[in-house]
Amino acid sequence: MTSLVLAAWPDSWSREQRCSATMIAAGVVLVLFMWLLATPLAAMPEPVGPAAQQFAEGSRVTVELTLVSGLLGVLFGVLAAVGKLARFAPLRWAASFYIWAIRGTPLLVQMLFVFLALPMIAPGLALSDFNSAALALAFNVGAYNAEAIRAGILAVPKGQTEASRSLGLSPFQTFRDVVFPQSFKIALPPLVNNIVALLKDSSLAYVIGVVELSNVGNRVQAATFQPVPVFVATASIYLILTTVLTQISGAIEARLDVEQRQH
């Protein structure tokens, strides 16, 4: 679908210009959608119309939760990937344990653990329902990001690392300036898929009381006993959000691919 959007721009534009225009257009669409969502929903018949503002607020919470946990998840993924490739054995074991434990347990259990069990283990770490959900989602997606980033790092030819070291760069400078930029481009497609999946996984935040989109839909159908129109509207909003995010991420991938070919 991203290729069709890119093809919609003027033929005189370069592929780089089309990618940039697609990112900007998709970003504008996302902002307008979040800002004006209540207006078209209010025109719908009961039970969706009267709850239009609730659906709009829930959608904004869903997007905020996805963005916060997505950024933290990339950070956790980088740290875990570097840790798993470290020469220091305890660090490597800790990163491997984190990835193994998170990928081997359900996200629902992780979210309940952060919200209910973590404050009992460490009373000073009691978090709000939103922060608990964001942290649980970040830890979860971070474990999957770690494997994608680790594969990207391993895909960078070792000769580039050796050449950088021979030029006098420190190991940190070599990783920061040579290895990581290339590995991140390689890992970007699976990272994008993880972020899009994260938007849908954020629906599990309703179990700890976060009033996001799926929670709003459940509350409305419980009050009106009309699940069909409510969940059709909820699914449609999720579909639009994932489509816009896919367009943005696809344009970023294409832009990075253009830059890599130019170099």
C-alpha atoms as a PDB file:
ATOM      1  CA  MET A   1       0.000   0.000   0.000  1.00  0.00           C
ATOM      2  CA  THR A   2       2.880   2.353   0.724  1.00  0.00           C
ATOM      3  CA  SER A   3       4.156   1.955  -2.831  1.00  0.00           C
ATOM      4  CA  LEU A   4       0.750   3.031  -4.155  1.00  0.00           C
ATOM      5  CA  VAL A   5       0.830   6.158  -1.981  1.00  0.00           C
ATOM      6  CA  LEU A   6       4.348   6.987  -3.180  1.00  0.00           C
ATOM      7  CA  ALA A   7       3.231   6.604  -6.779  1.00  0.00           C
ATOM      8  CA  ALA A   8       0.411   9.097  -6.214  1.00  0.00           C
ATOM      9  CA  TRP A   9       2.824  12.042  -5.978  1.00  0.00           C
ATOM     10  CA  PRO A  10       3.977  13.981  -9.097  1.00  0.00           C
ATOM     11  CA  ASP A  11       6.292  12.103 -11.458  1.00  0.00           C
ATOM     12  CA  SER A  12       8.753  14.997 -11.391  1.00  0.00           C
ATOM     13  CA  TRP A  13       9.484  14.367  -7.715  1.00  0.00           C
ATOM     14  CA  SER A  14      12.368  12.130  -6.702  1.00  0.00           C
ATOM     15  CA  ARG A  15      11.692   9.032  -4.605  1.00  0.00           C
ATOM     16  CA  GLU A  16      13.229  10.807  -1.622  1.00  0.00           C
ATOM     17  CA  GLN A  17      10.791  13.709  -2.017  1.00  0.00           C
ATOM     18  CA  ARG A  18       7.874  11.289  -2.328  1.00  0.00           C
ATOM     19  CA  CYS A  19       8.908   9.487   0.868  1.00  0.00           C
ATOM     20  CA  SER A  20       9.150  12.763   2.762  1.00  0.00           C
ATOM     21  CA  ALA A  21       5.776  13.913   1.439  1.00  0.00           C
ATOM     22  CA  THR A  22       4.189  10.599   2.419  1.00  0.00           C
ATOM     23  CA  MET A  23       5.558  10.842   5.964  1.00  0.00           C
ATOM     24  CA  ILE A  24       4.318  14.414   6.343  1.00  0.00           C
ATOM     25  CA  ALA A  25       0.914  13.636   4.837  1.00  0.00           C
ATOM     26  CA  ALA A  26       0.430  10.543   7.018  1.00  0.00           C
ATOM     27  CA  GLY A  27       1.494  12.499  10.099  1.00  0.00           C
ATOM     28  CA  VAL A  28      -0.998  15.260   9.294  1.00  0.00           C
ATOM     29  CA  VAL A  29      -3.725  12.672   8.723  1.00  0.00           C
ATOM     30  CA  LEU A  30      -2.982  11.059  12.080  1.00  0.00           C
ATOM     31  CA  VAL A  31      -3.111  14.398  13.933  1.00  0.00           C
ATOM     32  CA  LEU A  32      -6.326  15.457  12.193  1.00  0.00           C
ATOM     33  CA  PHE A  33      -7.878  12.057  12.777  1.00  0.00           C
ATOM     34  CA  MET A  34      -7.134  12.210  16.488  1.00  0.00           C
ATOM     35  CA  TRP A  35      -8.310  15.820  16.753  1.00  0.00           C
ATOM     36  CA  LEU A  36     -11.502  15.511  14.694  1.00  0.00           C
ATOM     37  CA  LEU A  37     -12.497  11.910  15.410  1.00  0.00           C
ATOM     38  CA  ALA A  38     -15.409  12.873  17.654  1.00  0.00           C
ATOM     39  CA  THR A  39     -17.106  14.811  14.835  1.00  0.00           C
ATOM     40  CA  PRO A  40     -17.859  11.915  12.419  1.00  0.00           C
ATOM     41  CA  LEU A  41     -18.559   9.562  15.310  1.00  0.00           C
ATOM     42  CA  ALA A  42     -21.131  11.987  16.739  1.00  0.00           C
ATOM     43  CA  ALA A  43     -23.113  11.692  13.498  1.00  0.00           C
ATOM     44  CA  MET A  44     -23.438   7.931  13.896  1.00  0.00           C
ATOM     45  CA  PRO A  45     -26.585   6.387  15.391  1.00  0.00           C
ATOM     46  CA  GLU A  46     -26.777   5.009  18.912  1.00  0.00           C
ATOM     47  CA  PRO A  47     -24.892   3.688  20.759  1.00  0.00           C
ATOM     48  CA  VAL A  48     -21.755   5.053  19.055  1.00  0.00           C
ATOM     49  CA  GLY A  49     -22.893   8.636  18.460  1.00  0.00           C
ATOM     50  CA  PRO A  50     -23.634   9.592  22.078  1.00  0.00           C
ATOM     51  CA  ALA A  51     -20.267   8.123  23.126  1.00  0.00           C
ATOM     52  CA  ALA A  52     -18.261   9.868  20.384  1.00  0.00           C
ATOM     53  CA  GLN A  53     -16.175  11.925  22.810  1.00  0.00           C
ATOM     54  CA  GLN A  54     -15.340   8.833  24.842  1.00  0.00           C
ATOM     55  CA  PHE A  55     -14.143   6.998  21.734  1.00  0.00           C
ATOM     56  CA  ALA A  56     -12.025  10.007  20.750  1.00  0.00           C
ATOM     57  CA  GLU A  57     -10.418  10.212  24.200  1.00  0.00           C
ATOM     58  CA  GLY A  58      -9.793   6.458  24.236  1.00  0.00           C
ATOM     59  CA  SER A  59      -8.151   6.636  20.808  1.00  0.00           C
ATOM     60  CA  ARG A  60      -5.818   9.396  21.978  1.00  0.00           C
ATOM     61  CA  VAL A  61      -4.825   7.349  25.018  1.00  0.00           C
ATOM     62  CA  THR A  62      -4.149   4.351  22.744  1.00  0.00           C
ATOM     63  CA  VAL A  63      -1.858   6.398  20.494  1.00  0.00           C
ATOM     64  CA  GLU A  64      -0.059   7.961  23.474  1.00  0.00           C
ATOM     65  CA  LEU A  65       0.449   4.532  25.018  1.00  0.00           C
ATOM     66  CA  THR A  66       1.818   3.182  21.739  1.00  0.00           C
ATOM     67  CA  LEU A  67       4.251   6.072  21.230  1.00  0.00           C
ATOM     68  CA  VAL A  68       5.597   6.060  24.800  1.00  0.00           C
ATOM     69  CA  SER A  69       6.009   2.292  25.041  1.00  0.00           C
ATOM     70  CA  GLY A  70       7.319   2.107  21.469  1.00  0.00           C
ATOM     71  CA  LEU A  71      10.153   4.577  22.118  1.00  0.00           C
ATOM     72  CA  LEU A  72      11.046   2.882  25.401  1.00  0.00           C
ATOM     73  CA  GLY A  73      10.860  -0.494  23.663  1.00  0.00           C
ATOM     74  CA  VAL A  74      13.448   0.571  21.090  1.00  0.00           C
ATOM     75  CA  LEU A  75      15.752   1.720  23.909  1.00  0.00           C
ATOM     76  CA  PHE A  76      15.302  -1.559  25.817  1.00  0.00           C
ATOM     77  CA  GLY A  77      15.854  -3.474  22.600  1.00  0.00           C
ATOM     78  CA  VAL A  78      19.148  -1.718  21.871  1.00  0.00           C
ATOM     79  CA  LEU A  79      20.406  -2.286  25.431  1.00  0.00           C
ATOM     80  CA  ALA A  80      19.389  -5.956  25.403  1.00  0.00           C
ATOM     81  CA  ALA A  81      20.896  -6.558  21.951  1.00  0.00           C
ATOM     82  CA  VAL A  82      24.207  -4.963  22.960  1.00  0.00           C
ATOM     83  CA  GLY A  83      24.132  -6.875  26.238  1.00  0.00           C
ATOM     84  CA  LYS A  84      23.570 -10.202  24.503  1.00  0.00           C
ATOM     85  CA  LEU A  85      26.575  -9.545  22.261  1.00  0.00           C
ATOM     86  CA  ALA A  86      28.791  -8.302  25.102  1.00  0.00           C
ATOM     87  CA  ARG A  87      31.976 -10.110  26.047  1.00  0.00           C
ATOM     88  CA  PHE A  88      31.195  -9.678  29.751  1.00  0.00           C
ATOM     89  CA  ALA A  89      29.441 -12.956  30.587  1.00  0.00           C
ATOM     90  CA  PRO A  90      27.098 -11.741  33.408  1.00  0.00           C
ATOM     91  CA  LEU A  91      25.799  -8.970  31.150  1.00  0.00           C
ATOM     92  CA  ARG A  92      25.263 -11.444  28.349  1.00  0.00           C
ATOM     93  CA  TRP A  93      23.417 -13.831  30.706  1.00  0.00           C
ATOM     94  CA  ALA A  94      21.203 -11.033  32.050  1.00  0.00           C
ATOM     95  CA  ALA A  95      20.220  -9.912  28.544  1.00  0.00           C
ATOM     96  CA  SER A  96      19.542 -13.489  27.455  1.00  0.00           C
ATOM     97  CA  PHE A  97      17.411 -14.110  30.547  1.00  0.00           C
ATOM     98  CA  TYR A  98      15.388 -10.948  29.907  1.00  0.00           C
ATOM     99  CA  ILE A  99      14.673 -11.922  26.305  1.00  0.00           C
ATOM    100  CA  TRP A 100      13.871 -15.525  27.257  1.00  0.00           C
ATOM    101  CA  ALA A 101      11.553 -14.593  30.131  1.00  0.00           C
ATOM    102  CA  ILE A 102       9.643 -11.874  28.306  1.00  0.00           C
ATOM    103  CA  ARG A 103       9.165 -13.795  25.071  1.00  0.00           C
ATOM    104  CA  GLY A 104       8.138 -16.917  26.958  1.00  0.00           C
ATOM    105  CA  THR A 105       5.370 -15.366  29.079  1.00  0.00           C
ATOM    106  CA  PRO A 106       2.057 -13.730  28.071  1.00  0.00           C
ATOM    107  CA  LEU A 107       1.877  -9.957  27.830  1.00  0.00           C
ATOM    108  CA  LEU A 108      -1.245 -10.002  29.988  1.00  0.00           C
ATOM    109  CA  VAL A 109       0.665 -11.624  32.844  1.00  0.00           C
ATOM    110  CA  GLN A 110       3.505  -9.129  32.463  1.00  0.00           C
ATOM    111  CA  MET A 111       1.088  -6.204  32.621  1.00  0.00           C
ATOM    112  CA  LEU A 112      -0.613  -7.539  35.754  1.00  0.00           C
ATOM    113  CA  PHE A 113       2.804  -8.207  37.309  1.00  0.00           C
ATOM    114  CA  VAL A 114       3.988  -4.625  36.760  1.00  0.00           C
ATOM    115  CA  PHE A 115       0.732  -3.149  38.058  1.00  0.00           C
ATOM    116  CA  LEU A 116       0.007  -5.479  40.996  1.00  0.00           C
ATOM    117  CA  ALA A 117       3.169  -7.373  41.965  1.00  0.00           C
ATOM    118  CA  LEU A 118       5.901  -4.814  41.333  1.00  0.00           C
ATOM    119  CA  PRO A 119       4.627  -2.356  44.010  1.00  0.00           C
ATOM    120  CA  MET A 120       4.706  -5.198  46.557  1.00  0.00           C
ATOM    121  CA  ILE A 121       8.282  -6.143  45.637  1.00  0.00           C
ATOM    122  CA  ALA A 122       9.501  -2.535  45.500  1.00  0.00           C
ATOM    123  CA  PRO A 123       7.016  -0.141  47.203  1.00  0.00           C
ATOM    124  CA  GLY A 124       8.849   2.871  45.810  1.00  0.00           C
ATOM    125  CA  LEU A 125       8.053   1.752  42.246  1.00  0.00           C
ATOM    126  CA  ALA A 126       4.269   2.033  42.491  1.00  0.00           C
ATOM    127  CA  LEU A 127       3.075   3.403  39.142  1.00  0.00           C
ATOM    128  CA  SER A 128      -0.184   4.695  37.754  1.00  0.00           C
ATOM    129  CA  ASP A 129      -2.243   2.462  35.511  1.00  0.00           C
ATOM    130  CA  PHE A 130      -1.027   4.270  32.354  1.00  0.00           C
ATOM    131  CA  ASN A 131       2.640   4.152  33.380  1.00  0.00           C
ATOM    132  CA  SER A 132       2.337   0.502  34.397  1.00  0.00           C
ATOM    133  CA  ALA A 133       0.845  -0.387  31.018  1.00  0.00           C
ATOM    134  CA  ALA A 134       3.490   1.626  29.147  1.00  0.00           C
ATOM    135  CA  LEU A 135       6.318  -0.042  31.078  1.00  0.00           C
ATOM    136  CA  ALA A 136       4.936  -3.549  30.574  1.00  0.00           C
ATOM    137  CA  LEU A 137       4.405  -2.951  26.851  1.00  0.00           C
ATOM    138  CA  ALA A 138       7.899  -1.441  26.529  1.00  0.00           C
ATOM    139  CA  PHE A 139       9.546  -4.413  28.230  1.00  0.00           C
ATOM    140  CA  ASN A 140       7.558  -6.799  26.053  1.00  0.00           C
ATOM    141  CA  VAL A 141       8.263  -5.183  22.703  1.00  0.00           C
ATOM    142  CA  GLY A 142      11.861  -4.510  23.789  1.00  0.00           C
ATOM    143  CA  ALA A 143      12.569  -8.237  23.972  1.00  0.00           C
ATOM    144  CA  TYR A 144      11.383  -8.694  20.384  1.00  0.00           C
ATOM    145  CA  ASN A 145      13.225  -5.590  19.241  1.00  0.00           C
ATOM    146  CA  ALA A 146      16.406  -6.938  20.815  1.00  0.00           C
ATOM    147  CA  GLU A 147      16.521  -9.952  18.529  1.00  0.00           C
ATOM    148  CA  ALA A 148      15.862  -7.804  15.450  1.00  0.00           C
ATOM    149  CA  ILE A 149      18.581  -5.328  16.404  1.00  0.00           C
ATOM    150  CA  ARG A 150      21.030  -8.108  17.323  1.00  0.00           C
ATOM    151  CA  ALA A 151      20.499  -9.673  13.898  1.00  0.00           C
ATOM    152  CA  GLY A 152      21.093  -6.272  12.310  1.00  0.00           C
ATOM    153  CA  ILE A 153      24.356  -5.808  14.212  1.00  0.00           C
ATOM    154  CA  LEU A 154      25.579  -9.256  13.189  1.00  0.00           C
ATOM    155  CA  ALA A 155      24.689  -8.490   9.560  1.00  0.00           C
ATOM    156  CA  VAL A 156      27.164  -5.587   9.399  1.00  0.00           C
ATOM    157  CA  PRO A 157      30.411  -6.891   7.847  1.00  0.00           C
ATOM    158  CA  LYS A 158      33.197  -7.301  10.412  1.00  0.00           C
ATOM    159  CA  GLY A 159      35.587  -5.676   7.992  1.00  0.00           C
ATOM    160  CA  GLN A 160      33.943  -2.310   8.648  1.00  0.00           C
ATOM    161  CA  THR A 161      34.562  -2.665  12.373  1.00  0.00           C
ATOM    162  CA  GLU A 162      38.188  -3.644  11.785  1.00  0.00           C
ATOM    163  CA  ALA A 163      38.664  -0.724   9.376  1.00  0.00           C
ATOM    164  CA  SER A 164      37.178   1.722  11.884  1.00  0.00           C
ATOM    165  CA  ARG A 165      39.434   0.474  14.658  1.00  0.00           C
ATOM    166  CA  SER A 166      42.466   0.722  12.387  1.00  0.00           C
ATOM    167  CA  LEU A 167      41.591   4.381  11.793  1.00  0.00           C
ATOM    168  CA  GLY A 168      41.818   5.041  15.516  1.00  0.00           C
ATOM    169  CA  LEU A 169      38.147   4.962  16.494  1.00  0.00           C
ATOM    170  CA  SER A 170      37.354   3.608  19.945  1.00  0.00           C
ATOM    171  CA  PRO A 171      34.960   0.618  20.290  1.00  0.00           C
ATOM    172  CA  PHE A 172      32.185   2.987  21.385  1.00  0.00           C
ATOM    173  CA  GLN A 173      32.787   5.355  18.458  1.00  0.00           C
ATOM    174  CA  THR A 174      32.874   2.408  16.065  1.00  0.00           C
ATOM    175  CA  PHE A 175      29.548   1.142  17.331  1.00  0.00           C
ATOM    176  CA  ARG A 176      27.921   4.579  17.454  1.00  0.00           C
ATOM    177  CA  ASP A 177      29.106   5.926  14.098  1.00  0.00           C
ATOM    178  CA  VAL A 178      29.596   2.823  11.945  1.00  0.00           C
ATOM    179  CA  VAL A 179      27.865  -0.307  13.196  1.00  0.00           C
ATOM    180  CA  PHE A 180      24.663   0.946  14.808  1.00  0.00           C
ATOM    181  CA  PRO A 181      23.407   3.209  11.962  1.00  0.00           C
ATOM    182  CA  GLN A 182      23.742   0.359   9.487  1.00  0.00           C
ATOM    183  CA  SER A 183      22.289  -2.264  11.818  1.00  0.00           C
ATOM    184  CA  PHE A 184      19.325  -0.055  12.641  1.00  0.00           C
ATOM    185  CA  LYS A 185      18.459   0.293   8.948  1.00  0.00           C
ATOM    186  CA  ILE A 186      18.646  -3.479   8.558  1.00  0.00           C
ATOM    187  CA  ALA A 187      16.478  -4.035  11.640  1.00  0.00           C
ATOM    188  CA  LEU A 188      13.932  -1.349  10.745  1.00  0.00           C
ATOM    189  CA  PRO A 189      11.350  -3.569   8.954  1.00  0.00           C
ATOM    190  CA  PRO A 190      10.840  -5.938  11.923  1.00  0.00           C
ATOM    191  CA  LEU A 191      10.953  -2.974  14.317  1.00  0.00           C
ATOM    192  CA  VAL A 192       8.171  -1.340  12.324  1.00  0.00           C
ATOM    193  CA  ASN A 193       6.092  -4.507  12.480  1.00  0.00           C
ATOM    194  CA  ASN A 194       6.608  -4.624  16.236  1.00  0.00           C
ATOM    195  CA  ILE A 195       5.398  -1.034  16.656  1.00  0.00           C
ATOM    196  CA  VAL A 196       2.269  -1.692  14.594  1.00  0.00           C
ATOM    197  CA  ALA A 197       1.594  -4.849  16.622  1.00  0.00           C
ATOM    198  CA  LEU A 198       2.161  -2.796  19.767  1.00  0.00           C
ATOM    199  CA  LEU A 199      -0.770  -0.555  18.855  1.00  0.00           C
ATOM    200  CA  LYS A 200      -3.048  -3.586  18.879  1.00  0.00           C
ATOM    201  CA  ASP A 201      -1.426  -5.110  21.976  1.00  0.00           C
ATOM    202  CA  SER A 202      -2.111  -1.887  23.886  1.00  0.00           C
ATOM    203  CA  SER A 203      -5.733  -3.025  24.062  1.00  0.00           C
ATOM    204  CA  LEU A 204      -4.699  -5.326  26.917  1.00  0.00           C
ATOM    205  CA  ALA A 205      -4.166  -2.246  29.085  1.00  0.00           C
ATOM    206  CA  TYR A 206      -7.880  -2.302  29.835  1.00  0.00           C
ATOM    207  CA  VAL A 207      -7.329  -5.097  32.387  1.00  0.00           C
ATOM    208  CA  ILE A 208      -5.562  -2.666  34.741  1.00  0.00           C
ATOM    209  CA  GLY A 209      -8.041   0.153  34.235  1.00  0.00           C
ATOM    210  CA  VAL A 210      -6.447   2.242  31.472  1.00  0.00           C
ATOM    211  CA  VAL A 211      -9.292   3.954  29.646  1.00  0.00           C
ATOM    212  CA  GLU A 212      -8.020   3.323  26.126  1.00  0.00           C
ATOM    213  CA  LEU A 213     -10.008   2.501  22.996  1.00  0.00           C
ATOM    214  CA  SER A 214     -10.936  -1.125  23.726  1.00  0.00           C
ATOM    215  CA  ASN A 215     -11.881  -0.229  27.307  1.00  0.00           C
ATOM    216  CA  VAL A 216     -14.208   2.499  26.035  1.00  0.00           C
ATOM    217  CA  GLY A 217     -15.802   0.072  23.594  1.00  0.00           C
ATOM    218  CA  ASN A 218     -16.327  -2.510  26.323  1.00  0.00           C
ATOM    219  CA  ARG A 219     -17.896   0.077  28.642  1.00  0.00           C
ATOM    220  CA  VAL A 220     -20.265   1.358  25.961  1.00  0.00           C
ATOM    221  CA  GLN A 221     -21.446  -2.099  24.965  1.00  0.00           C
ATOM    222  CA  ALA A 222     -21.897  -3.088  28.610  1.00  0.00           C
ATOM    223  CA  ALA A 223     -24.110  -0.044  29.162  1.00  0.00           C
ATOM    224  CA  THR A 224     -26.136  -0.375  25.936  1.00  0.00           C
ATOM    225  CA  PHE A 225     -26.114  -4.159  25.291  1.00  0.00           C
ATOM    226  CA  GLN A 226     -25.364  -3.469  21.610  1.00  0.00           C
ATOM    227  CA  PRO A 227     -21.976  -5.101  20.973  1.00  0.00           C
ATOM    228  CA  VAL A 228     -22.143  -5.264  17.166  1.00  0.00           C
ATOM    229  CA  PRO A 229     -22.097  -1.515  16.295  1.00  0.00           C
ATOM    230  CA  VAL A 230     -19.770  -0.740  19.201  1.00  0.00           C
ATOM    231  CA  PHE A 231     -17.113  -3.280  18.292  1.00  0.00           C
ATOM    232  CA  VAL A 232     -17.425  -2.552  14.558  1.00  0.00           C
ATOM    233  CA  ALA A 233     -16.672   1.106  15.343  1.00  0.00           C
ATOM    234  CA  THR A 234     -13.809   0.119  17.672  1.00  0.00           C
ATOM    235  CA  ALA A 235     -12.267  -2.227  15.095  1.00  0.00           C
ATOM    236  CA  SER A 236     -12.618   0.446  12.382  1.00  0.00           C
ATOM    237  CA  ILE A 237     -10.722   2.989  14.481  1.00  0.00           C
ATOM    238  CA  TYR A 238      -7.941   0.471  15.143  1.00  0.00           C
ATOM    239  CA  LEU A 239      -7.802  -0.318  11.421  1.00  0.00           C
ATOM    240  CA  ILE A 240      -7.422   3.353  10.483  1.00  0.00           C
ATOM    241  CA  LEU A 241      -4.721   3.898  13.123  1.00  0.00           C
ATOM    242  CA  THR A 242      -2.694   0.864  12.049  1.00  0.00           C
ATOM    243  CA  THR A 243      -3.025   1.866   8.391  1.00  0.00           C
ATOM    244  CA  VAL A 244      -1.705   5.377   9.065  1.00  0.00           C
ATOM    245  CA  LEU A 245       1.166   4.035  11.188  1.00  0.00           C
ATOM    246  CA  THR A 246       2.023   1.546   8.439  1.00  0.00           C
ATOM    247  CA  GLN A 247       2.152   4.383   5.891  1.00  0.00           C
ATOM    248  CA  ILE A 248       4.470   6.433   8.107  1.00  0.00           C
ATOM    249  CA  SER A 249       6.757   3.501   8.852  1.00  0.00           C
ATOM    250  CA  GLY A 250       6.759   2.360   5.219  1.00  0.00           C
ATOM    251  CA  ALA A 251       7.777   5.845   4.087  1.00  0.00           C
ATOM    252  CA  ILE A 252      10.587   5.885   6.670  1.00  0.00           C
ATOM    253  CA  GLU A 253      11.821   2.517   5.398  1.00  0.00           C
ATOM    254  CA  ALA A 254      11.752   3.745   1.803  1.00  0.00           C
ATOM    255  CA  ARG A 255      13.538   6.985   2.742  1.00  0.00           C
ATOM    256  CA  LEU A 256      16.311   5.113   4.537  1.00  0.00           C
ATOM    257  CA  ASP A 257      16.615   2.714   1.602  1.00  0.00           C
ATOM    258  CA  VAL A 258      17.069   5.678  -0.754  1.00  0.00           C
ATOM    259  CA  GLU A 259      19.740   7.208   1.487  1.00  0.00           C
ATOM    260  CA  GLN A 260      21.574   3.879   1.730  1.00  0.00           C
ATOM    261  CA  ARG A 261      21.639   3.464  -2.056  1.00  0.00           C
ATOM    262  CA  GLN A 262      22.929   7.006  -2.505  1.00  0.00           C
ATOM    263  CA  HIS A 263      25.854   6.254  -0.225  1.00  0.00           C
END
